[in-house]
Amino acid sequence: MSEVPGKLKEQQENEGAEEKAEEEKDEEEEEEEEEEEEEEEDEIVGLADYGDESESFSDGDHEKSGDGAYFNDPFSTEVKPRILLMGLRRSGKSSIQKVVFHKMSPNETLFLESTNKICREDVSNSSFVNFQIWDFPGQIDFFDPTFDYEMIFRGTGALIFVIDSQDDYMEALARLHLTVTRAYKVNPDINFEIFIHKVDGLSDDHKIETQRDIHQRANDDLADAGLEKIHLSFYLTSIYDHSIFEAFSKVVQKLIPQLPTLENLLNIFVSNSGIEKAFLFDVVSKIYIATDSTPVDMQTYELSCDMIDVVIDISSIYGLKKDGAGTPYDKESTAIIKLNNATVLYLKEVTKFLALVCFVREESFERKGLIDYNFHCFRKAIHEVFEVRMKAVKTQKNQNQVQKNKRVTHNGTPRMPL
């Protein structure tokens, strides 16, 4: 009988140890769940590093892509549409990519070497915009029989063809016609975007005349081929002003399936807050992913871009902690700039990498409390749209992974076609 208390004590100690182990296990699981939630939140509002995972391959590397890489793997881009940058050599394709997505100074692009291999880069401006940019060297004939050009165009959302406005563009128009007709036969849903580039060296009259001439010749060539239903969009662009950012904004907007929802939310916000104009910006690239239904004035867009630059620059100096921790743009970021024409620029953080820039008259800005309340409702609605988008993306990824797994046997070798 004297051994019983000892056994009870030992049993209690064992039970206590088990309970402690279970509590520690539960705490670890809770920490893991919190980390997963934080990662998911970052994914919802996150922004991938520009260019850190860019890949390139020369015109000979496509021969080794038969195992499912690049062109021949329909799952390599998952649910990300492609944006193809095409045009003749030295037309400015790589400079556009570097200025818009790598924040390179336009003057530094003068020292860029000519691209001699196809470069692929993943870009994620927000949860709405996930795409890949494929930069094609002008000297590569991708209609050569060794290239599977059908696979190139099949997963493409937009094709940007860059024409040097300061050069003889007859050869470029011939190449444009060949590219557009081949691409349309493979994928009729491609958006064809024509950048009439390097217009900074032209006078205003010459710009208009060049655009009219290129527009007329390109559409006449399509009409002669019986392809009048193909729609070409034309933009006058230069890396030395904001025109390239505005053009890319319009290209990217066409790839956002939620664009009508975003525009509707902005229209409701603007009409109920006494705001004249509002832009929803990606802070890093200064591409606006949506705006309200009022016409976009180039001057208001440039002011919005300049405001974002000012906010980021000042926050980088004064907004960080003493040890340098933190980020220059967070949920507390806001800015008010009053212009000398009785207009107020108002910037508010929407998500970790999106900002709302508004143009308000001074008399309307006196009701700042109403504007802030309406913004809170707008911000909440944007996050709900993000969540729906992320669920759809995850579902699509899972379906792609299932299909990809079906192509592989248990020992990892590709399944033979039936």
Protein backbone atom coordinates (compact mmCIF):
# COMPACT_ATOMS: atom_id res chain seq x y z
CA MET A 1 0.00 0.00 0.00
CA SER A 2 2.94 2.29 0.64
CA GLU A 3 3.81 2.17 -3.07
CA VAL A 4 0.46 3.56 -4.21
CA PRO A 5 1.07 7.23 -3.34
CA GLY A 6 4.43 7.02 -5.15
CA LYS A 7 2.71 5.64 -8.22
CA LEU A 8 0.04 8.31 -8.02
CA LYS A 9 2.70 10.96 -7.71
CA GLU A 10 4.60 9.52 -10.68
CA GLN A 11 1.37 9.28 -12.67
CA GLN A 12 0.52 12.91 -11.85
CA GLU A 13 3.99 14.02 -12.91
CA ASN A 14 3.62 12.12 -16.20
CA GLU A 15 0.20 13.65 -16.79
CA GLY A 16 1.58 17.08 -15.96
CA ALA A 17 4.44 16.58 -18.43
CA GLU A 18 2.00 15.43 -21.11
CA GLU A 19 -0.26 18.43 -20.52
CA LYS A 20 2.73 20.75 -20.70
CA ALA A 21 3.87 19.11 -23.93
CA GLU A 22 0.37 19.47 -25.39
CA GLU A 23 0.24 23.13 -24.39
CA GLU A 24 3.62 23.77 -26.03
CA LYS A 25 2.40 21.92 -29.12
CA ASP A 26 -0.78 24.02 -29.20
CA GLU A 27 1.27 27.21 -28.84
CA GLU A 28 3.52 26.15 -31.70
CA GLU A 29 0.50 25.39 -33.87
CA GLU A 30 -1.03 28.77 -33.04
CA GLU A 31 2.24 30.50 -33.93
CA GLU A 32 2.38 28.60 -37.22
CA GLU A 33 -1.22 29.57 -38.00
CA GLU A 34 -0.44 33.22 -37.23
CA GLU A 35 2.60 33.08 -39.49
CA GLU A 36 0.51 31.50 -42.26
CA GLU A 37 -2.13 34.23 -41.84
CA GLU A 38 0.54 36.91 -42.02
CA GLU A 39 2.00 35.30 -45.14
CA GLU A 40 -1.47 35.10 -46.67
CA GLU A 41 -2.11 38.75 -45.87
CA ASP A 42 1.22 39.70 -47.41
CA GLU A 43 0.27 37.65 -50.45
CA ILE A 44 -3.06 39.44 -50.72
CA VAL A 45 -1.51 42.88 -50.72
CA GLY A 46 2.05 41.87 -51.62
CA LEU A 47 4.38 42.93 -54.37
CA ALA A 48 7.01 40.64 -55.86
CA ASP A 49 10.57 41.91 -56.22
CA TYR A 50 11.00 43.43 -59.62
CA GLY A 51 13.57 41.65 -61.68
CA ASP A 52 15.06 39.53 -58.90
CA GLU A 53 13.81 36.36 -60.52
CA SER A 54 14.14 37.35 -64.13
CA GLU A 55 15.24 34.62 -66.48
CA SER A 56 16.70 34.75 -69.94
CA PHE A 57 17.66 32.32 -72.63
CA SER A 58 19.28 32.73 -76.00
CA ASP A 59 17.76 31.80 -79.32
CA GLY A 60 19.39 28.39 -79.08
CA ASP A 61 18.00 27.55 -75.67
CA HIS A 62 14.49 27.00 -76.95
CA GLU A 63 15.60 23.66 -78.33
CA LYS A 64 16.04 22.33 -74.80
CA SER A 65 12.61 23.56 -73.78
CA GLY A 66 10.90 20.46 -75.05
CA ASP A 67 10.87 19.01 -71.54
CA GLY A 68 8.23 21.51 -70.56
CA ALA A 69 10.15 24.73 -69.90
CA TYR A 70 9.26 28.19 -71.16
CA PHE A 71 7.38 27.88 -74.44
CA ASN A 72 6.14 24.31 -74.26
CA ASP A 73 4.89 24.18 -70.67
CA PRO A 74 1.35 25.52 -70.38
CA PHE A 75 1.72 25.40 -66.59
CA SER A 76 4.97 27.40 -66.40
CA THR A 77 3.05 30.68 -66.12
CA GLU A 78 0.32 29.21 -63.88
CA VAL A 79 -2.44 31.84 -64.04
CA LYS A 80 -0.18 34.72 -65.05
CA PRO A 81 -0.81 36.18 -68.50
CA ARG A 82 2.15 37.17 -70.62
CA ILE A 83 3.00 40.61 -71.94
CA LEU A 84 5.28 40.37 -74.95
CA LEU A 85 7.64 43.24 -75.82
CA MET A 86 8.44 43.08 -79.52
CA GLY A 87 9.90 45.35 -82.15
CA LEU A 88 13.01 45.94 -84.24
CA ARG A 89 16.48 46.27 -82.76
CA ARG A 90 17.24 49.50 -80.84
CA SER A 91 13.59 50.52 -80.77
CA GLY A 92 13.70 50.95 -76.97
CA LYS A 93 12.06 47.77 -75.62
CA SER A 94 14.56 47.03 -72.85
CA SER A 95 14.73 50.71 -71.86
CA ILE A 96 10.96 50.75 -71.33
CA GLN A 97 11.13 47.69 -69.11
CA LYS A 98 14.04 49.05 -67.06
CA VAL A 99 12.48 52.48 -66.52
CA VAL A 100 8.98 51.26 -65.63
CA PHE A 101 9.77 48.19 -63.53
CA HIS A 102 13.35 48.70 -62.33
CA LYS A 103 13.24 52.46 -61.64
CA MET A 104 16.27 53.05 -63.84
CA SER A 105 16.98 56.64 -64.72
CA PRO A 106 16.18 57.35 -68.41
CA ASN A 107 19.69 58.70 -68.92
CA GLU A 108 21.20 55.43 -67.72
CA THR A 109 19.40 53.50 -70.46
CA LEU A 110 21.79 55.06 -72.96
CA PHE A 111 24.41 52.58 -71.72
CA LEU A 112 22.23 49.46 -72.05
CA GLU A 113 23.58 46.84 -74.40
CA SER A 114 21.38 45.51 -77.17
CA THR A 115 19.34 42.50 -76.02
CA ASN A 116 20.57 39.32 -77.70
CA LYS A 117 18.41 36.74 -75.92
CA ILE A 118 14.82 36.38 -74.85
CA CYS A 119 14.34 37.64 -71.27
CA ARG A 120 11.45 36.52 -69.11
CA GLU A 121 10.56 38.36 -65.93
CA ASP A 122 7.78 37.83 -63.40
CA VAL A 123 6.04 41.03 -62.33
CA SER A 124 3.38 41.41 -59.66
CA ASN A 125 2.12 44.96 -59.24
CA SER A 126 -0.67 43.88 -56.92
CA SER A 127 -2.95 40.94 -56.32
CA PHE A 128 -4.97 42.04 -59.34
CA VAL A 129 -2.00 42.22 -61.67
CA ASN A 130 0.27 39.19 -61.97
CA PHE A 131 1.96 38.83 -65.31
CA GLN A 132 5.18 37.98 -67.08
CA ILE A 133 7.10 40.29 -69.42
CA TRP A 134 8.90 38.56 -72.28
CA ASP A 135 11.44 40.84 -74.00
CA PHE A 136 12.17 39.59 -77.52
CA PRO A 137 15.36 40.73 -79.28
CA GLY A 138 14.65 42.42 -82.59
CA GLN A 139 17.13 40.25 -84.49
CA ILE A 140 15.45 36.95 -83.59
CA ASP A 141 13.03 35.55 -86.14
CA PHE A 142 10.57 33.81 -83.83
CA PHE A 143 8.58 32.62 -86.87
CA ASP A 144 11.50 30.40 -87.77
CA PRO A 145 10.40 26.70 -87.91
CA THR A 146 12.63 25.92 -84.90
CA PHE A 147 10.47 28.20 -82.74
CA ASP A 148 7.03 27.12 -81.58
CA TYR A 149 5.47 30.54 -82.03
CA GLU A 150 2.00 29.14 -81.40
CA MET A 151 2.98 28.30 -77.84
CA ILE A 152 4.38 31.83 -77.42
CA PHE A 153 1.11 33.52 -78.36
CA ARG A 154 -1.25 30.99 -76.79
CA GLY A 155 -0.71 32.22 -73.23
CA THR A 156 -0.30 35.89 -74.10
CA GLY A 157 -2.56 38.58 -72.70
CA ALA A 158 -1.04 41.59 -74.46
CA LEU A 159 1.46 42.13 -77.25
CA ILE A 160 3.31 45.45 -77.14
CA PHE A 161 5.00 46.32 -80.41
CA VAL A 162 7.48 49.19 -80.08
CA ILE A 163 8.13 51.43 -83.12
CA ASP A 164 10.94 53.96 -83.16
CA SER A 165 9.26 57.18 -84.32
CA GLN A 166 12.62 58.81 -85.11
CA ASP A 167 13.63 56.06 -87.55
CA ASP A 168 12.26 54.85 -90.88
CA TYR A 169 9.33 52.75 -89.67
CA MET A 170 8.40 50.99 -92.93
CA GLU A 171 10.31 47.84 -91.97
CA ALA A 172 8.77 48.03 -88.50
CA LEU A 173 5.25 48.22 -89.98
CA ALA A 174 5.93 45.16 -92.15
CA ARG A 175 7.15 43.25 -89.09
CA LEU A 176 4.14 44.48 -87.11
CA HIS A 177 1.72 43.21 -89.73
CA LEU A 178 3.36 39.78 -89.83
CA THR A 179 3.40 39.53 -86.03
CA VAL A 180 -0.20 40.65 -85.54
CA THR A 181 -1.66 38.37 -88.23
CA ARG A 182 0.20 35.28 -86.97
CA ALA A 183 -0.62 36.02 -83.33
CA TYR A 184 -4.31 36.65 -84.03
CA LYS A 185 -4.70 33.30 -85.76
CA VAL A 186 -3.28 31.55 -82.69
CA ASN A 187 -5.00 33.67 -80.02
CA PRO A 188 -7.77 36.09 -81.07
CA ASP A 189 -8.03 37.39 -77.49
CA ILE A 190 -4.62 39.09 -77.49
CA ASN A 191 -4.63 42.86 -76.91
CA PHE A 192 -2.43 44.50 -79.54
CA GLU A 193 -0.73 47.63 -78.17
CA ILE A 194 1.45 49.80 -80.42
CA PHE A 195 3.95 52.10 -78.68
CA ILE A 196 5.10 54.88 -81.02
CA HIS A 197 8.24 55.45 -79.02
CA LYS A 198 10.96 58.12 -78.63
CA VAL A 199 8.55 60.96 -79.43
CA ASP A 200 10.43 63.27 -77.04
CA GLY A 201 12.59 64.34 -79.98
CA LEU A 202 9.60 65.34 -82.16
CA SER A 203 7.58 68.53 -82.27
CA ASP A 204 3.90 68.38 -81.35
CA ASP A 205 2.81 68.62 -84.98
CA HIS A 206 5.28 65.94 -86.02
CA LYS A 207 4.01 63.64 -83.22
CA ILE A 208 0.43 63.91 -84.45
CA GLU A 209 1.44 63.41 -88.08
CA THR A 210 3.58 60.37 -87.24
CA GLN A 211 0.82 58.76 -85.20
CA ARG A 212 -1.73 59.40 -87.95
CA ASP A 213 0.56 57.93 -90.62
CA ILE A 214 1.43 54.79 -88.63
CA HIS A 215 -2.22 54.31 -87.63
CA GLN A 216 -3.37 54.63 -91.24
CA ARG A 217 -0.73 52.33 -92.74
CA ALA A 218 -1.10 49.61 -90.09
CA ASN A 219 -4.89 49.47 -90.39
CA ASP A 220 -4.76 49.60 -94.20
CA ASP A 221 -2.43 46.57 -94.20
CA LEU A 222 -4.90 44.67 -92.01
CA ALA A 223 -7.83 45.70 -94.22
CA ASP A 224 -6.00 44.46 -97.33
CA ALA A 225 -5.54 41.10 -95.58
CA GLY A 226 -9.24 40.95 -94.69
CA LEU A 227 -8.56 41.37 -90.96
CA GLU A 228 -10.42 44.62 -90.26
CA LYS A 229 -11.80 43.20 -86.99
CA ILE A 230 -8.35 43.24 -85.39
CA HIS A 231 -8.14 46.26 -83.07
CA LEU A 232 -4.83 48.04 -82.62
CA SER A 233 -4.33 50.56 -79.79
CA PHE A 234 -1.74 53.31 -80.38
CA TYR A 235 0.19 55.31 -77.77
CA LEU A 236 2.77 58.09 -78.07
CA THR A 237 5.47 57.22 -75.53
CA SER A 238 8.80 58.41 -74.18
CA ILE A 239 10.87 57.30 -71.19
CA TYR A 240 11.72 60.95 -70.48
CA ASP A 241 8.21 61.86 -69.31
CA HIS A 242 5.20 60.12 -67.78
CA SER A 243 3.71 59.02 -71.11
CA ILE A 244 5.30 55.55 -70.87
CA PHE A 245 3.77 55.01 -67.41
CA GLU A 246 0.33 56.10 -68.59
CA ALA A 247 0.55 53.84 -71.65
CA PHE A 248 1.62 50.86 -69.54
CA SER A 249 -1.19 51.63 -67.10
CA LYS A 250 -3.76 51.28 -69.86
CA VAL A 251 -2.14 48.05 -71.07
CA VAL A 252 -2.13 46.52 -67.60
CA GLN A 253 -5.72 47.60 -66.85
CA LYS A 254 -6.97 45.41 -69.71
CA LEU A 255 -5.49 42.38 -67.91
CA ILE A 256 -7.39 43.06 -64.66
CA PRO A 257 -10.65 41.08 -64.64
CA GLN A 258 -11.90 43.13 -61.64
CA LEU A 259 -11.39 46.47 -63.42
CA PRO A 260 -15.14 47.24 -63.75
CA THR A 261 -15.58 46.58 -60.03
CA LEU A 262 -12.68 48.86 -59.12
CA GLU A 263 -13.93 51.63 -61.40
CA ASN A 264 -17.41 51.34 -59.94
CA LEU A 265 -16.05 51.58 -56.38
CA LEU A 266 -14.04 54.67 -57.35
CA ASN A 267 -17.07 56.28 -58.99
CA ILE A 268 -19.16 55.73 -55.84
CA PHE A 269 -16.37 57.10 -53.65
CA VAL A 270 -15.83 60.17 -55.84
CA SER A 271 -19.51 61.05 -56.22
CA ASN A 272 -20.20 60.81 -52.48
CA SER A 273 -17.10 62.68 -51.33
CA GLY A 274 -17.04 65.74 -53.58
CA ILE A 275 -13.79 64.62 -55.24
CA GLU A 276 -12.91 65.72 -58.76
CA LYS A 277 -10.52 62.90 -59.74
CA ALA A 278 -9.13 59.75 -58.10
CA PHE A 279 -6.43 57.25 -59.09
CA LEU A 280 -5.63 53.86 -57.58
CA PHE A 281 -1.85 53.59 -57.93
CA ASP A 282 0.73 50.88 -57.58
CA VAL A 283 3.27 52.79 -55.51
CA VAL A 284 6.40 51.07 -56.82
CA SER A 285 5.86 51.29 -60.58
CA LYS A 286 3.52 54.35 -60.56
CA ILE A 287 1.11 52.47 -62.81
CA TYR A 288 -2.49 53.35 -62.02
CA ILE A 289 -4.55 50.19 -62.05
CA ALA A 290 -7.90 52.01 -62.00
CA THR A 291 -9.46 55.47 -62.06
CA ASP A 292 -12.96 56.91 -62.03
CA SER A 293 -15.01 57.50 -65.17
CA THR A 294 -13.97 61.14 -65.68
CA PRO A 295 -11.36 61.69 -68.45
CA VAL A 296 -7.70 61.35 -67.50
CA ASP A 297 -5.75 64.58 -67.86
CA MET A 298 -2.00 64.11 -68.40
CA GLN A 299 -1.22 66.94 -65.99
CA THR A 300 -3.21 65.39 -63.13
CA TYR A 301 -1.53 62.04 -63.75
CA GLU A 302 1.93 63.65 -63.66
CA LEU A 303 1.07 65.48 -60.43
CA SER A 304 -0.07 62.20 -58.88
CA CYS A 305 3.21 60.49 -59.85
CA ASP A 306 5.22 63.41 -58.46
CA MET A 307 3.25 63.26 -55.21
CA ILE A 308 4.03 59.57 -54.78
CA ASP A 309 7.73 60.30 -55.36
CA VAL A 310 7.66 63.08 -52.74
CA VAL A 311 5.90 60.91 -50.16
CA ILE A 312 8.28 57.97 -50.63
CA ASP A 313 11.41 60.17 -50.64
CA ILE A 314 10.46 62.09 -47.50
CA SER A 315 9.26 58.95 -45.71
CA SER A 316 12.55 57.22 -46.55
CA ILE A 317 14.38 60.03 -44.74
CA TYR A 318 12.10 60.86 -41.81
CA GLY A 319 9.64 57.98 -41.64
CA LEU A 320 11.97 55.18 -40.55
CA LYS A 321 12.93 54.35 -36.97
CA LYS A 322 16.31 55.31 -35.51
CA ASP A 323 17.71 51.84 -36.21
CA GLY A 324 16.50 52.04 -39.82
CA ALA A 325 13.73 49.50 -39.23
CA GLY A 326 10.33 49.73 -40.87
CA THR A 327 9.24 50.69 -44.37
CA PRO A 328 8.82 54.14 -45.90
CA TYR A 329 5.26 53.25 -46.94
CA ASP A 330 2.84 51.61 -44.49
CA LYS A 331 -0.77 51.76 -43.26
CA GLU A 332 -0.14 55.13 -41.58
CA SER A 333 1.08 56.77 -44.79
CA THR A 334 -0.95 59.80 -45.79
CA ALA A 335 -0.16 63.16 -47.40
CA ILE A 336 -1.87 66.46 -48.16
CA ILE A 337 -0.48 68.92 -50.71
CA LYS A 338 -2.26 72.23 -51.39
CA LEU A 339 -1.72 73.77 -54.82
CA ASN A 340 -1.96 77.46 -55.68
CA ASN A 341 -5.08 76.91 -57.80
CA ALA A 342 -7.37 76.06 -54.83
CA THR A 343 -6.85 72.31 -55.39
CA VAL A 344 -5.79 69.81 -52.74
CA LEU A 345 -3.93 66.56 -53.47
CA TYR A 346 -4.82 63.87 -50.92
CA LEU A 347 -2.94 60.55 -50.72
CA LYS A 348 -4.04 57.60 -48.54
CA GLU A 349 -2.67 54.07 -48.16
CA VAL A 350 -5.07 51.39 -49.45
CA THR A 351 -2.94 48.26 -49.17
CA LYS A 352 0.72 47.66 -48.53
CA PHE A 353 1.59 48.62 -52.10
CA LEU A 354 -1.45 50.51 -53.36
CA ALA A 355 -2.30 54.17 -52.80
CA LEU A 356 -5.34 56.30 -53.55
CA VAL A 357 -4.53 59.78 -54.89
CA CYS A 358 -7.41 62.27 -55.00
CA PHE A 359 -7.88 65.76 -56.41
CA VAL A 360 -10.24 67.83 -54.25
CA ARG A 361 -11.31 71.47 -54.29
CA GLU A 362 -10.43 73.37 -51.11
CA GLU A 363 -14.07 74.01 -50.23
CA SER A 364 -14.86 70.28 -50.58
CA PHE A 365 -11.82 69.32 -48.51
CA GLU A 366 -13.32 71.15 -45.54
CA ARG A 367 -15.48 68.03 -45.16
CA LYS A 368 -12.38 65.89 -44.60
CA GLY A 369 -14.20 63.76 -42.02
CA LEU A 370 -16.74 62.65 -44.63
CA ILE A 371 -13.96 61.91 -47.13
CA ASP A 372 -12.06 59.81 -44.55
CA TYR A 373 -15.19 57.84 -43.63
CA ASN A 374 -15.98 57.13 -47.28
CA PHE A 375 -12.35 56.15 -47.82
CA HIS A 376 -12.58 53.67 -44.93
CA CYS A 377 -15.57 52.03 -46.65
CA PHE A 378 -13.74 52.07 -49.99
CA ARG A 379 -10.62 50.50 -48.48
CA LYS A 380 -12.67 47.75 -46.86
CA ALA A 381 -14.36 46.96 -50.19
CA ILE A 382 -10.98 46.81 -51.98
CA HIS A 383 -9.70 44.26 -49.46
CA GLU A 384 -12.82 42.14 -49.99
CA VAL A 385 -12.20 42.18 -53.75
CA PHE A 386 -8.60 41.13 -53.11
CA GLU A 387 -9.74 38.18 -50.99
CA VAL A 388 -12.09 36.94 -53.70
CA ARG A 389 -9.30 37.27 -56.26
CA MET A 390 -6.80 35.34 -54.11
CA LYS A 391 -9.28 32.49 -53.58
CA ALA A 392 -9.78 32.23 -57.33
CA VAL A 393 -6.01 32.27 -57.94
CA LYS A 394 -5.38 29.53 -55.38
CA THR A 395 -8.14 27.38 -56.87
CA GLN A 396 -6.67 27.79 -60.35
CA LYS A 397 -3.18 26.94 -59.09
CA ASN A 398 -4.46 23.78 -57.43
CA GLN A 399 -6.21 22.71 -60.63
CA ASN A 400 -3.03 23.34 -62.63
CA GLN A 401 -0.98 21.31 -60.17
CA VAL A 402 -3.44 18.40 -60.40
CA GLN A 403 -3.23 18.46 -64.20
CA LYS A 404 0.55 18.68 -64.03
CA ASN A 405 0.74 15.71 -61.67
CA LYS A 406 -1.37 13.65 -64.05
CA ARG A 407 1.35 14.07 -66.66
CA VAL A 408 3.96 12.42 -64.38
CA THR A 409 4.15 8.75 -63.27
CA HIS A 410 4.90 7.65 -59.71
CA ASN A 411 8.64 7.32 -60.39
CA GLY A 412 8.80 10.91 -61.69
CA THR A 413 9.15 10.17 -65.41
CA PRO A 414 6.84 11.87 -67.92
CA ARG A 415 3.76 9.83 -68.78
CA MET A 416 3.84 8.51 -72.35
CA PRO A 417 1.10 9.85 -74.62
CA LEU A 418 -1.67 7.37 -75.42
